[in-house]
Amino acid sequence: MDVHDLPPAEGKFAGTVKVGEKGQIVIPKGARDLFGIKPGDTLLLLADAQQGMTIVRQDVFDKFIAEAMPHRPEGTPPANDETTEQGPNQGDDQQ
């Protein structure tokens, strides 16, 4: 069995792209369809020298940020897990 004859699993995509003279790539149709990427969409490129690159739709990233960093009305105390700060000497074993 040749691995090139196997389609990617449901919900997955694999493919190669070439970088053009201006540094541009074309996202393959299969990937655009899978992620609902349409002409004019804004995409966010994240890169790490050790881990590589990823591209996500801006709206997906915005939703992630909204959930990770919810708006807290002014004067509202932080959630319980944010109030467990230690004073300057707490946690030190001073005798």
N, C-alpha and C. Protein backbone atom coordinates (compact mmCIF):
# COMPACT_ATOMS: atom_id res chain seq x y z
N MET A 1 0.84 -1.17 0.00
CA MET A 1 0.00 0.00 0.00
C MET A 1 0.89 1.24 0.00
N ASP A 2 0.65 2.16 -0.92
CA ASP A 2 1.41 3.39 -1.04
C ASP A 2 0.74 4.49 -0.21
N VAL A 3 1.49 5.15 0.66
CA VAL A 3 0.94 6.20 1.52
C VAL A 3 0.35 7.34 0.69
N HIS A 4 0.84 7.53 -0.52
CA HIS A 4 0.31 8.59 -1.38
C HIS A 4 -1.10 8.30 -1.86
N ASP A 5 -1.53 7.04 -1.80
CA ASP A 5 -2.88 6.68 -2.22
C ASP A 5 -3.91 6.83 -1.10
N LEU A 6 -3.44 7.08 0.14
CA LEU A 6 -4.35 7.19 1.27
C LEU A 6 -4.84 8.63 1.43
N PRO A 7 -6.15 8.81 1.55
CA PRO A 7 -6.64 10.16 1.80
C PRO A 7 -6.43 10.50 3.27
N PRO A 8 -6.32 11.80 3.59
CA PRO A 8 -6.23 12.15 5.01
C PRO A 8 -7.52 11.75 5.73
N ALA A 9 -7.43 11.51 7.01
CA ALA A 9 -8.60 11.16 7.81
C ALA A 9 -9.61 12.31 7.80
N GLU A 10 -10.86 12.00 8.13
CA GLU A 10 -11.93 12.99 8.20
C GLU A 10 -11.50 14.16 9.08
N GLY A 11 -11.69 15.39 8.59
CA GLY A 11 -11.34 16.56 9.37
C GLY A 11 -9.87 16.92 9.35
N LYS A 12 -9.10 16.26 8.50
CA LYS A 12 -7.65 16.51 8.41
C LYS A 12 -7.31 16.94 6.99
N PHE A 13 -6.17 17.58 6.84
CA PHE A 13 -5.69 17.94 5.51
C PHE A 13 -4.17 17.89 5.51
N ALA A 14 -3.61 17.41 4.46
CA ALA A 14 -2.17 17.42 4.27
C ALA A 14 -1.89 17.81 2.83
N GLY A 15 -0.91 18.62 2.62
CA GLY A 15 -0.56 19.04 1.28
C GLY A 15 0.71 19.87 1.33
N THR A 16 1.22 20.19 0.19
CA THR A 16 2.41 21.02 0.11
C THR A 16 2.06 22.28 -0.67
N VAL A 17 2.78 23.34 -0.38
CA VAL A 17 2.60 24.60 -1.11
C VAL A 17 3.99 25.12 -1.45
N LYS A 18 4.06 25.90 -2.49
CA LYS A 18 5.33 26.53 -2.87
C LYS A 18 5.24 28.01 -2.55
N VAL A 19 6.36 28.55 -2.13
CA VAL A 19 6.45 29.97 -1.85
C VAL A 19 6.82 30.68 -3.14
N GLY A 20 6.01 31.68 -3.50
CA GLY A 20 6.25 32.45 -4.71
C GLY A 20 7.35 33.48 -4.53
N GLU A 21 7.66 34.21 -5.60
CA GLU A 21 8.73 35.20 -5.58
C GLU A 21 8.52 36.27 -4.52
N LYS A 22 7.27 36.61 -4.22
CA LYS A 22 6.97 37.65 -3.23
C LYS A 22 6.73 37.07 -1.85
N GLY A 23 7.05 35.79 -1.64
CA GLY A 23 6.87 35.16 -0.34
C GLY A 23 5.44 34.70 -0.09
N GLN A 24 4.62 34.69 -1.11
CA GLN A 24 3.22 34.30 -0.95
C GLN A 24 3.04 32.81 -1.15
N ILE A 25 2.01 32.27 -0.47
CA ILE A 25 1.61 30.88 -0.68
C ILE A 25 0.13 30.87 -1.03
N VAL A 26 -0.29 29.83 -1.71
CA VAL A 26 -1.71 29.62 -1.99
C VAL A 26 -2.17 28.50 -1.07
N ILE A 27 -3.22 28.79 -0.28
CA ILE A 27 -3.78 27.76 0.59
C ILE A 27 -4.61 26.84 -0.29
N PRO A 28 -4.31 25.54 -0.30
CA PRO A 28 -5.03 24.62 -1.18
C PRO A 28 -6.54 24.62 -0.91
N LYS A 29 -7.33 24.39 -1.95
CA LYS A 29 -8.78 24.41 -1.86
C LYS A 29 -9.29 23.48 -0.77
N GLY A 30 -8.71 22.30 -0.65
CA GLY A 30 -9.15 21.36 0.38
C GLY A 30 -9.02 21.94 1.78
N ALA A 31 -7.94 22.65 2.03
CA ALA A 31 -7.73 23.28 3.34
C ALA A 31 -8.69 24.46 3.52
N ARG A 32 -8.87 25.26 2.46
CA ARG A 32 -9.81 26.39 2.55
C ARG A 32 -11.22 25.90 2.84
N ASP A 33 -11.62 24.83 2.16
CA ASP A 33 -12.96 24.27 2.39
C ASP A 33 -13.09 23.72 3.81
N LEU A 34 -12.08 23.01 4.27
CA LEU A 34 -12.12 22.40 5.59
C LEU A 34 -12.27 23.44 6.69
N PHE A 35 -11.61 24.59 6.53
CA PHE A 35 -11.62 25.62 7.56
C PHE A 35 -12.53 26.79 7.24
N GLY A 36 -13.27 26.70 6.15
CA GLY A 36 -14.21 27.77 5.82
C GLY A 36 -13.54 29.09 5.49
N ILE A 37 -12.37 29.03 4.89
CA ILE A 37 -11.63 30.24 4.54
C ILE A 37 -12.15 30.76 3.19
N LYS A 38 -12.57 32.01 3.20
CA LYS A 38 -13.13 32.64 2.01
C LYS A 38 -12.25 33.81 1.58
N PRO A 39 -12.34 34.21 0.30
CA PRO A 39 -11.58 35.38 -0.15
C PRO A 39 -11.91 36.59 0.72
N GLY A 40 -10.89 37.33 1.12
CA GLY A 40 -11.09 38.51 1.94
C GLY A 40 -10.99 38.24 3.44
N ASP A 41 -11.00 36.96 3.85
CA ASP A 41 -10.85 36.64 5.28
C ASP A 41 -9.48 37.10 5.77
N THR A 42 -9.43 37.51 7.03
CA THR A 42 -8.16 37.86 7.66
C THR A 42 -7.67 36.64 8.40
N LEU A 43 -6.43 36.27 8.17
CA LEU A 43 -5.82 35.13 8.83
C LEU A 43 -4.69 35.62 9.73
N LEU A 44 -4.45 34.90 10.79
CA LEU A 44 -3.39 35.23 11.72
C LEU A 44 -2.30 34.17 11.59
N LEU A 45 -1.08 34.60 11.35
CA LEU A 45 0.06 33.69 11.24
C LEU A 45 0.83 33.77 12.54
N LEU A 46 1.00 32.62 13.18
CA LEU A 46 1.79 32.52 14.41
C LEU A 46 3.03 31.70 14.09
N ALA A 47 4.18 32.14 14.55
CA ALA A 47 5.42 31.43 14.24
C ALA A 47 6.31 31.32 15.47
N ASP A 48 6.98 30.20 15.57
CA ASP A 48 7.94 29.94 16.64
C ASP A 48 9.12 29.24 15.98
N ALA A 49 10.32 29.76 16.22
CA ALA A 49 11.51 29.21 15.57
C ALA A 49 11.70 27.73 15.84
N GLN A 50 11.25 27.24 16.99
CA GLN A 50 11.43 25.83 17.34
C GLN A 50 10.24 24.96 16.91
N GLN A 51 9.02 25.53 16.97
CA GLN A 51 7.83 24.72 16.74
C GLN A 51 7.20 24.87 15.37
N GLY A 52 7.60 25.88 14.61
CA GLY A 52 7.06 26.05 13.28
C GLY A 52 6.00 27.14 13.20
N MET A 53 5.16 27.06 12.17
CA MET A 53 4.15 28.08 11.91
C MET A 53 2.77 27.47 11.91
N THR A 54 1.80 28.31 12.20
CA THR A 54 0.41 27.92 12.06
C THR A 54 -0.37 29.13 11.57
N ILE A 55 -1.45 28.87 10.88
CA ILE A 55 -2.31 29.93 10.37
C ILE A 55 -3.72 29.64 10.87
N VAL A 56 -4.35 30.63 11.49
CA VAL A 56 -5.73 30.49 11.95
C VAL A 56 -6.54 31.68 11.45
N ARG A 57 -7.84 31.45 11.29
CA ARG A 57 -8.73 32.56 10.94
C ARG A 57 -8.74 33.54 12.11
N GLN A 58 -8.77 34.81 11.81
CA GLN A 58 -8.75 35.84 12.85
C GLN A 58 -9.93 35.67 13.80
N ASP A 59 -11.11 35.31 13.29
CA ASP A 59 -12.28 35.18 14.17
C ASP A 59 -12.13 34.04 15.16
N VAL A 60 -11.44 32.98 14.78
CA VAL A 60 -11.19 31.86 15.69
C VAL A 60 -10.26 32.33 16.81
N PHE A 61 -9.23 33.08 16.45
CA PHE A 61 -8.29 33.59 17.45
C PHE A 61 -8.98 34.59 18.37
N ASP A 62 -9.82 35.46 17.81
CA ASP A 62 -10.56 36.43 18.62
C ASP A 62 -11.43 35.73 19.65
N LYS A 63 -12.09 34.64 19.25
CA LYS A 63 -12.94 33.89 20.17
C LYS A 63 -12.09 33.28 21.28
N PHE A 64 -10.94 32.73 20.93
CA PHE A 64 -10.04 32.15 21.91
C PHE A 64 -9.62 33.20 22.94
N ILE A 65 -9.22 34.37 22.47
CA ILE A 65 -8.79 35.44 23.37
C ILE A 65 -9.94 35.89 24.26
N ALA A 66 -11.14 36.01 23.70
CA ALA A 66 -12.30 36.43 24.49
C ALA A 66 -12.59 35.45 25.62
N GLU A 67 -12.41 34.16 25.36
CA GLU A 67 -12.66 33.15 26.39
C GLU A 67 -11.51 33.09 27.40
N ALA A 68 -10.29 33.28 26.92
CA ALA A 68 -9.13 33.21 27.81
C ALA A 68 -8.98 34.47 28.66
N MET A 69 -9.43 35.58 28.13
CA MET A 69 -9.27 36.86 28.83
C MET A 69 -10.60 37.61 28.81
N PRO A 70 -11.61 37.09 29.54
CA PRO A 70 -12.93 37.73 29.50
C PRO A 70 -12.89 39.15 30.05
N HIS A 71 -13.76 39.98 29.52
CA HIS A 71 -13.88 41.36 29.99
C HIS A 71 -14.45 41.35 31.39
N ARG A 72 -13.81 42.08 32.26
CA ARG A 72 -14.28 42.18 33.64
C ARG A 72 -14.66 43.64 33.87
N PRO A 73 -15.94 43.91 34.17
CA PRO A 73 -16.35 45.31 34.40
C PRO A 73 -15.49 45.95 35.48
N GLU A 74 -15.22 47.24 35.33
CA GLU A 74 -14.37 47.96 36.28
C GLU A 74 -14.93 47.83 37.69
N GLY A 75 -14.06 47.55 38.63
CA GLY A 75 -14.46 47.41 40.02
C GLY A 75 -14.84 45.99 40.41
N THR A 76 -14.90 45.08 39.44
CA THR A 76 -15.22 43.69 39.74
C THR A 76 -13.95 43.00 40.21
N PRO A 77 -14.01 42.30 41.36
CA PRO A 77 -12.79 41.62 41.83
C PRO A 77 -12.40 40.48 40.90
N PRO A 78 -11.11 40.15 40.86
CA PRO A 78 -10.67 39.03 40.02
C PRO A 78 -11.25 37.71 40.51
N ALA A 79 -11.25 36.72 39.64
CA ALA A 79 -11.73 35.38 40.00
C ALA A 79 -10.87 34.82 41.12
N ASN A 80 -11.37 33.84 41.85
CA ASN A 80 -10.68 33.26 43.00
C ASN A 80 -9.26 32.82 42.69
N ASP A 81 -9.06 32.19 41.55
CA ASP A 81 -7.72 31.67 41.24
C ASP A 81 -6.72 32.79 40.97
N GLU A 82 -7.19 34.02 40.78
CA GLU A 82 -6.28 35.14 40.55
C GLU A 82 -5.93 35.86 41.85
N THR A 83 -6.58 35.51 42.96
CA THR A 83 -6.36 36.23 44.21
C THR A 83 -5.43 35.48 45.16
N THR A 84 -4.77 34.45 44.69
CA THR A 84 -3.92 33.64 45.56
C THR A 84 -2.48 34.13 45.52
N GLU A 85 -2.32 35.45 45.60
CA GLU A 85 -0.98 36.02 45.60
C GLU A 85 -0.38 35.87 46.99
N GLN A 86 0.92 35.67 47.04
CA GLN A 86 1.62 35.57 48.31
C GLN A 86 2.29 36.89 48.63
N GLY A 87 2.30 37.24 49.90
CA GLY A 87 3.00 38.44 50.33
C GLY A 87 4.49 38.24 50.19
N PRO A 88 5.29 39.29 50.51
CA PRO A 88 6.74 39.20 50.27
C PRO A 88 7.42 38.09 51.07
N ASN A 89 6.89 37.73 52.26
CA ASN A 89 7.55 36.71 53.07
C ASN A 89 6.77 35.41 53.15
N GLN A 90 5.59 35.37 52.56
CA GLN A 90 4.81 34.14 52.60
C GLN A 90 5.47 33.10 51.72
N GLY A 91 5.45 31.87 52.19
CA GLY A 91 6.03 30.78 51.42
C GLY A 91 7.50 30.58 51.71
N ASP A 92 8.14 31.57 52.39
CA ASP A 92 9.54 31.42 52.76
C ASP A 92 9.62 30.68 54.09
N ASP A 93 10.55 29.82 54.22
CA ASP A 93 10.74 29.10 55.49
C ASP A 93 11.72 29.86 56.35
N GLN A 94 11.23 30.92 56.98
CA GLN A 94 12.10 31.71 57.84
C GLN A 94 12.00 31.19 59.27
N GLN A 95 13.10 31.06 59.95
CA GLN A 95 13.10 30.58 61.33
C GLN A 95 13.74 31.58 62.23
